[in-house]
């Protein structure tokens, strides 16, 4: 242990030398490395959490930079997958921490194995489907799930301790209809509120990892720092009844594929994610060479990006494609088929 690095932290009686060693022996999945995930990951890395699994399906864009603290202009210009850029920055910030980048969409085929490989999960998701999936995986695996969200000037935070507290499905029983709730694209985002929510998530995670789960808040925390409000609502399994399909009935509809898994619109943007064909592992360089000059193809070890008419396509090494410039999943699938034959 680098005693100098953590000296001011170990002086806290709530942590001490034993707590610091627990942090170094711990592992955390950061599911989504955007506004929440990048801040939470940075704080946990500097606190000395020994292993961080950084999972994100997207690349850094210039519009991310005002709130996603791990990235810079170079990451946006290349472009760089967020998980790779985050792992590189955090490894430099604290060499004690093993940072594993997972450039992939978290879905029912991979999420449970990732959750089971760590001690705790941080919610940095940008859509409700992933939160439902993470909640089910955490309940099934018995891993704490530290959820959060922020849009506009408003943020929320809620922690799930499987078997002890209500789960995410107790709080939100169904995903809202598309377009019925504000997003960062439609309502904007105050970077300070996402930072505050992420700092709260990281604090709750540290409590759990050092052995003080008794100090975890058993409430749904809401905050709006712009107007200066903060409130907490107690959410327990008793107040929502015994009928939760996930934490009481142990039904895992998202995890077992009875719900979700279609082409997905990303976080209010005109970007559609098209899932890969079965077994697809494209040769990015070969595909880039086959595209017309007008496509302005850019290829890296992680992705291929090119222009397809009025759309821009980013194809990842795992076969996923992000199609920018349409809100129609059918149109997005057609573009991928037309240009890539997938």
Protein backbone atom coordinates (compact mmCIF):
# COMPACT_ATOMS: atom_id res chain seq x y z
CA UNK A 1 0.00 0.00 0.00
CA UNK A 2 1.24 3.50 -0.86
CA UNK A 3 0.76 4.99 2.61
CA UNK A 4 1.61 8.49 1.43
CA UNK A 5 -1.02 8.45 -1.30
CA UNK A 6 -3.87 7.55 1.07
CA UNK A 7 -2.61 9.20 4.28
CA UNK A 8 -5.37 11.81 4.57
CA UNK A 9 -7.98 9.16 3.85
CA UNK A 10 -6.72 6.57 6.34
CA UNK A 11 -6.76 9.19 9.08
CA UNK A 12 -10.53 9.12 8.88
CA UNK A 13 -11.74 6.80 11.66
CA UNK A 14 -14.49 5.66 9.30
CA UNK A 15 -11.83 4.17 6.99
CA UNK A 16 -8.44 3.73 8.68
CA UNK A 17 -5.74 1.32 7.53
CA UNK A 18 -8.09 -1.68 7.56
CA UNK A 19 -10.69 0.12 5.47
CA UNK A 20 -8.07 1.24 3.00
CA UNK A 21 -6.88 -2.31 2.56
CA UNK A 22 -10.46 -3.38 1.94
CA UNK A 23 -10.71 -0.77 -0.81
CA UNK A 24 -7.51 -2.02 -2.41
CA UNK A 25 -8.88 -5.56 -2.30
CA UNK A 26 -12.23 -4.50 -3.84
CA UNK A 27 -13.53 -4.43 -7.38
CA UNK A 28 -16.21 -2.25 -8.98
CA UNK A 29 -18.02 -2.31 -12.31
CA UNK A 30 -18.69 1.19 -13.64
CA UNK A 31 -21.52 0.56 -16.10
CA UNK A 32 -21.36 3.55 -18.41
CA UNK A 33 -18.48 6.04 -18.47
CA UNK A 34 -20.38 9.24 -19.19
CA UNK A 35 -21.17 12.13 -16.87
CA UNK A 36 -21.89 9.97 -13.81
CA UNK A 37 -19.56 7.09 -14.51
CA UNK A 38 -16.49 9.17 -15.36
CA UNK A 39 -16.71 11.18 -12.14
CA UNK A 40 -17.51 8.16 -9.94
CA UNK A 41 -14.69 6.15 -11.54
CA UNK A 42 -12.22 8.99 -10.99
CA UNK A 43 -13.14 9.30 -7.31
CA UNK A 44 -12.99 5.55 -6.71
CA UNK A 45 -9.65 5.22 -8.49
CA UNK A 46 -8.11 8.01 -6.43
CA UNK A 47 -9.61 6.48 -3.27
CA UNK A 48 -7.73 3.27 -4.06
CA UNK A 49 -10.36 0.78 -5.19
CA UNK A 50 -8.08 -1.97 -6.44
CA UNK A 51 -9.88 -3.01 -9.64
CA UNK A 52 -12.20 -0.99 -11.84
CA UNK A 53 -14.05 -2.58 -14.75
CA UNK A 54 -14.99 0.30 -17.04
CA UNK A 55 -17.75 -0.63 -19.48
CA UNK A 56 -19.13 1.68 -22.16
CA UNK A 57 -20.38 1.23 -25.72
CA UNK A 58 -19.85 4.79 -26.96
CA UNK A 59 -17.02 7.05 -28.13
CA UNK A 60 -15.95 10.44 -26.80
CA UNK A 61 -17.61 13.40 -28.52
CA UNK A 62 -16.91 17.09 -28.09
CA UNK A 63 -20.35 17.67 -26.56
CA UNK A 64 -19.34 15.33 -23.71
CA UNK A 65 -16.37 17.38 -22.57
CA UNK A 66 -18.13 19.95 -20.39
CA UNK A 67 -19.17 17.28 -17.88
CA UNK A 68 -17.28 14.02 -18.54
CA UNK A 69 -14.09 14.76 -16.65
CA UNK A 70 -11.81 11.96 -17.87
CA UNK A 71 -11.69 13.08 -21.51
CA UNK A 72 -10.21 15.85 -23.64
CA UNK A 73 -10.23 17.18 -27.20
CA UNK A 74 -7.79 14.56 -28.43
CA UNK A 75 -10.12 11.76 -27.32
CA UNK A 76 -12.97 13.37 -29.26
CA UNK A 77 -10.89 14.01 -32.37
CA UNK A 78 -9.49 10.47 -32.84
CA UNK A 79 -12.32 9.28 -31.84
CA UNK A 80 -11.65 7.11 -28.77
CA UNK A 81 -13.99 4.67 -27.00
CA UNK A 82 -14.86 6.09 -23.59
CA UNK A 83 -13.87 2.91 -21.76
CA UNK A 84 -10.39 2.97 -23.31
CA UNK A 85 -9.84 6.67 -22.62
CA UNK A 86 -11.09 6.30 -19.04
CA UNK A 87 -8.83 3.32 -18.33
CA UNK A 88 -5.81 5.17 -19.68
CA UNK A 89 -6.45 8.31 -17.61
CA UNK A 90 -7.19 6.45 -14.39
CA UNK A 91 -4.15 4.19 -14.68
CA UNK A 92 -2.02 7.33 -14.81
CA UNK A 93 -3.88 8.89 -11.89
CA UNK A 94 -3.31 5.86 -9.63
CA UNK A 95 -1.01 3.01 -10.68
CA UNK A 96 -2.28 0.97 -7.71
CA UNK A 97 -5.57 0.44 -9.54
CA UNK A 98 -6.10 -2.19 -12.23
CA UNK A 99 -8.34 -0.57 -14.85
CA UNK A 100 -10.04 -2.91 -17.33
CA UNK A 101 -11.73 -1.38 -20.36
CA UNK A 102 -14.77 -3.16 -21.77
CA UNK A 103 -15.75 -1.57 -25.09
CA UNK A 104 -19.11 -3.26 -25.50
CA UNK A 105 -22.81 -2.85 -25.10
CA UNK A 106 -23.93 -4.29 -21.79
CA UNK A 107 -26.77 -6.66 -22.57
CA UNK A 108 -28.22 -9.92 -21.29
CA UNK A 109 -25.39 -11.94 -22.90
CA UNK A 110 -22.58 -10.34 -20.92
CA UNK A 111 -23.90 -8.31 -18.00
CA UNK A 112 -24.32 -11.10 -15.44
CA UNK A 113 -20.75 -12.37 -15.85
CA UNK A 114 -19.39 -8.84 -15.42
CA UNK A 115 -21.54 -8.21 -12.34
CA UNK A 116 -20.52 -11.52 -10.77
CA UNK A 117 -16.83 -10.64 -11.29
CA UNK A 118 -16.98 -7.55 -9.02
CA UNK A 119 -18.04 -6.57 -5.52
CA UNK A 120 -20.27 -3.62 -6.45
CA UNK A 121 -21.83 -1.91 -9.47
CA UNK A 122 -21.99 1.83 -10.18
CA UNK A 123 -24.87 2.90 -12.43
CA UNK A 124 -23.65 5.22 -15.17
CA UNK A 125 -26.34 4.12 -17.63
CA UNK A 126 -27.84 6.48 -20.20
CA UNK A 127 -31.10 4.55 -20.67
CA UNK A 128 -33.76 2.81 -18.61
CA UNK A 129 -33.35 -0.59 -20.27
CA UNK A 130 -29.77 -0.89 -19.03
CA UNK A 131 -30.77 0.14 -15.50
CA UNK A 132 -33.44 -2.56 -15.37
CA UNK A 133 -30.91 -5.08 -16.68
CA UNK A 134 -28.24 -4.05 -14.16
CA UNK A 135 -30.75 -4.12 -11.31
CA UNK A 136 -31.80 -7.67 -12.18
CA UNK A 137 -28.20 -8.84 -12.55
CA UNK A 138 -27.25 -7.30 -9.20
CA UNK A 139 -30.25 -8.80 -7.39
CA UNK A 140 -29.54 -12.19 -8.91
CA UNK A 141 -25.82 -12.05 -8.10
CA UNK A 142 -26.28 -10.40 -4.69
CA UNK A 143 -24.15 -7.36 -5.56
CA UNK A 144 -24.86 -3.81 -4.35
CA UNK A 145 -26.16 -1.53 -7.11
CA UNK A 146 -25.50 2.20 -6.61
CA UNK A 147 -27.85 3.93 -9.01
CA UNK A 148 -28.01 7.57 -10.05
CA UNK A 149 -29.38 9.90 -12.69
CA UNK A 150 -29.17 13.55 -13.72
CA UNK A 151 -30.86 15.74 -16.30
CA UNK A 152 -31.29 19.49 -16.51
CA UNK A 153 -30.51 20.78 -13.02
CA UNK A 154 -32.07 17.79 -11.25
CA UNK A 155 -30.44 14.62 -9.92
CA UNK A 156 -31.43 11.48 -8.04
CA UNK A 157 -29.52 8.72 -6.26
CA UNK A 158 -30.64 5.40 -4.85
CA UNK A 159 -28.71 2.40 -3.54
CA UNK A 160 -29.83 -1.22 -3.76
CA UNK A 161 -28.53 -3.72 -1.21
CA UNK A 162 -30.00 -7.04 -2.40
CA UNK A 163 -31.92 -8.81 0.32
CA UNK A 164 -31.90 -5.73 2.56
CA UNK A 165 -33.46 -2.83 0.66
CA UNK A 166 -35.93 -2.18 -2.10
CA UNK A 167 -34.52 -2.67 -5.59
CA UNK A 168 -34.68 -0.37 -8.61
CA UNK A 169 -37.80 -2.14 -9.89
CA UNK A 170 -39.56 -1.27 -6.61
CA UNK A 171 -38.96 2.41 -7.38
CA UNK A 172 -39.52 2.37 -11.16
CA UNK A 173 -41.80 -0.46 -12.21
CA UNK A 174 -41.81 0.27 -15.97
CA UNK A 175 -39.58 2.23 -18.35
CA UNK A 176 -41.26 5.48 -19.43
CA UNK A 177 -42.57 5.69 -22.97
CA UNK A 178 -40.02 7.04 -25.49
CA UNK A 179 -40.10 10.82 -25.56
CA UNK A 180 -42.15 11.10 -22.35
CA UNK A 181 -39.25 12.14 -20.11
CA UNK A 182 -36.58 14.83 -20.57
CA UNK A 183 -33.08 13.81 -21.64
CA UNK A 184 -29.71 15.54 -21.68
CA UNK A 185 -30.30 16.28 -25.37
CA UNK A 186 -33.75 17.80 -24.91
CA UNK A 187 -33.36 19.46 -21.50
CA UNK A 188 -29.60 19.96 -21.27
CA UNK A 189 -27.48 19.09 -18.27
CA UNK A 190 -25.79 21.20 -15.60
CA UNK A 191 -22.37 19.56 -15.12
CA UNK A 192 -22.35 20.38 -11.43
CA UNK A 193 -25.46 18.30 -10.76
CA UNK A 194 -24.11 15.20 -12.49
CA UNK A 195 -20.87 15.64 -10.53
CA UNK A 196 -22.80 15.92 -7.26
CA UNK A 197 -24.80 12.76 -8.00
CA UNK A 198 -21.67 10.85 -8.99
CA UNK A 199 -19.85 11.98 -5.84
CA UNK A 200 -22.80 10.72 -3.79
CA UNK A 201 -22.67 7.39 -5.63
CA UNK A 202 -18.93 7.07 -4.96
CA UNK A 203 -19.46 7.88 -1.28
CA UNK A 204 -22.13 5.21 -0.91
CA UNK A 205 -19.85 2.73 -2.70
CA UNK A 206 -16.94 3.44 -0.34
CA UNK A 207 -19.19 2.95 2.69
CA UNK A 208 -20.13 -0.50 1.42
CA UNK A 209 -16.62 -1.52 0.35
CA UNK A 210 -15.00 -0.61 3.69
CA UNK A 211 -17.65 -2.58 5.61
CA UNK A 212 -20.09 0.15 6.67
CA UNK A 213 -23.22 -0.86 4.78
CA UNK A 214 -25.16 0.17 7.88
CA UNK A 215 -24.37 3.79 7.00
CA UNK A 216 -25.86 3.54 3.51
CA UNK A 217 -28.87 5.77 2.96
CA UNK A 218 -32.14 3.80 2.68
CA UNK A 219 -33.89 6.60 0.78
CA UNK A 220 -34.37 7.97 -2.70
CA UNK A 221 -32.36 11.20 -2.71
CA UNK A 222 -33.44 14.05 -5.00
CA UNK A 223 -31.53 17.30 -5.50
CA UNK A 224 -31.70 20.44 -7.57
CA UNK A 225 -28.67 22.58 -6.73
CA UNK A 226 -29.77 25.35 -9.09
CA UNK A 227 -32.83 26.17 -6.99
CA UNK A 228 -31.27 24.83 -3.80
CA UNK A 229 -33.62 21.95 -2.97
CA UNK A 230 -32.88 18.52 -1.57
CA UNK A 231 -35.29 15.83 -0.41
CA UNK A 232 -35.31 12.21 0.65
CA UNK A 233 -38.14 9.68 0.40
CA UNK A 234 -37.96 6.41 2.30
CA UNK A 235 -38.32 3.44 -0.03
CA UNK A 236 -38.52 0.05 1.64
CA UNK A 237 -39.80 -3.31 0.52
CA UNK A 238 -42.55 -3.02 3.13
CA UNK A 239 -43.94 0.25 1.70
CA UNK A 240 -44.13 -1.11 -1.85
CA UNK A 241 -45.64 -4.42 -0.81
CA UNK A 242 -44.34 -7.92 -1.37
CA UNK A 243 -45.09 -8.03 -5.06
CA UNK A 244 -41.88 -6.76 -6.66
CA UNK A 245 -41.27 -9.09 -9.62
CA UNK A 246 -37.49 -8.84 -9.20
CA UNK A 247 -36.39 -8.73 -5.57
CA UNK A 248 -39.39 -10.67 -4.19
CA UNK A 249 -40.60 -12.95 -6.98
CA UNK A 250 -37.14 -13.34 -8.52
CA UNK A 251 -38.35 -12.90 -12.08
CA UNK A 252 -35.63 -11.59 -14.36
CA UNK A 253 -37.45 -10.66 -17.55
CA UNK A 254 -34.78 -8.30 -18.89
CA UNK A 255 -31.90 -10.57 -17.97
CA UNK A 256 -33.54 -13.63 -19.49
CA UNK A 257 -34.49 -11.90 -22.74
CA UNK A 258 -38.27 -11.66 -22.36
CA UNK A 259 -37.96 -7.88 -22.59
CA UNK A 260 -35.59 -5.51 -24.38
CA UNK A 261 -32.78 -6.28 -26.82
CA UNK A 262 -33.96 -4.27 -29.83
CA UNK A 263 -32.35 -1.41 -31.75
CA UNK A 264 -32.06 1.34 -29.16
CA UNK A 265 -32.10 5.12 -29.30
CA UNK A 266 -29.27 6.61 -27.24
CA UNK A 267 -30.00 9.16 -24.52
CA UNK A 268 -32.40 11.39 -26.44
CA UNK A 269 -30.02 11.89 -29.37
CA UNK A 270 -30.66 11.19 -33.04
CA UNK A 271 -28.47 8.10 -32.65
CA UNK A 272 -29.70 4.52 -32.99
CA UNK A 273 -27.67 1.56 -31.78
CA UNK A 274 -28.04 -1.47 -34.05
CA UNK A 275 -27.05 -4.71 -32.27
CA UNK A 276 -24.62 -7.06 -34.04
CA UNK A 277 -25.66 -10.02 -36.11
CA UNK A 278 -25.10 -13.37 -34.44
CA UNK A 279 -21.39 -14.15 -34.42
CA UNK A 280 -20.47 -10.90 -36.21
CA UNK A 281 -16.84 -9.85 -35.77
CA UNK A 282 -16.17 -7.47 -38.64
CA UNK A 283 -12.75 -6.85 -40.19
CA UNK A 284 -12.70 -3.08 -39.73
CA UNK A 285 -9.74 -2.39 -41.99
CA UNK A 286 -11.17 -4.51 -44.82
CA UNK A 287 -14.55 -2.80 -44.54
CA UNK A 288 -12.90 0.64 -44.54
CA UNK A 289 -11.05 -0.21 -47.75
CA UNK A 290 -14.28 -1.28 -49.41
CA UNK A 291 -16.11 1.99 -48.75
CA UNK A 292 -16.25 4.77 -51.37
CA UNK A 293 -13.99 7.80 -50.97
CA UNK A 294 -17.05 9.95 -50.28
CA UNK A 295 -17.63 7.98 -47.08
CA UNK A 296 -14.55 9.64 -45.50
CA UNK A 297 -13.81 6.48 -43.53
CA UNK A 298 -11.68 6.65 -40.38
CA UNK A 299 -10.50 3.35 -38.89
CA UNK A 300 -8.80 2.68 -35.54
CA UNK A 301 -8.13 -0.60 -33.70
CA UNK A 302 -11.47 -0.15 -31.94
CA UNK A 303 -13.88 1.21 -34.53
CA UNK A 304 -14.69 2.29 -38.07
CA UNK A 305 -16.46 5.61 -38.63
CA UNK A 306 -17.83 6.78 -41.98
CA UNK A 307 -20.48 8.94 -43.65
CA UNK A 308 -23.48 7.17 -45.16
CA UNK A 309 -25.61 9.72 -47.01
CA UNK A 310 -27.26 11.89 -44.36
CA UNK A 311 -26.08 9.57 -41.58
CA UNK A 312 -22.80 8.90 -39.80
CA UNK A 313 -22.03 5.31 -38.84
CA UNK A 314 -19.67 4.12 -36.11
CA UNK A 315 -19.02 0.38 -36.28
CA UNK A 316 -17.29 -1.28 -33.31
CA UNK A 317 -15.11 -4.36 -33.29
CA UNK A 318 -17.89 -6.34 -31.57
CA UNK A 319 -20.22 -5.75 -34.51
CA UNK A 320 -22.39 -3.04 -32.94
CA UNK A 321 -23.15 0.03 -35.03
CA UNK A 322 -24.20 3.51 -33.93
CA UNK A 323 -26.09 5.34 -36.66
CA UNK A 324 -26.27 9.12 -36.18
CA UNK A 325 -28.74 11.25 -38.08
CA UNK A 326 -31.96 9.26 -37.69
CA UNK A 327 -34.49 8.49 -34.98
CA UNK A 328 -35.96 5.57 -36.94
CA UNK A 329 -34.59 2.12 -35.96
CA UNK A 330 -35.69 0.66 -39.30
CA UNK A 331 -33.77 3.35 -41.19
CA UNK A 332 -30.69 2.72 -39.03
CA UNK A 333 -30.79 -1.01 -39.74
CA UNK A 334 -31.22 -0.31 -43.45
CA UNK A 335 -28.14 1.95 -43.51
CA UNK A 336 -26.02 -0.73 -41.81
CA UNK A 337 -27.25 -3.37 -44.25
CA UNK A 338 -26.70 -1.16 -47.29
CA UNK A 339 -23.13 -0.11 -46.47
CA UNK A 340 -21.84 -3.06 -44.49
CA UNK A 341 -23.97 -5.99 -45.59
CA UNK A 342 -24.68 -6.87 -41.96
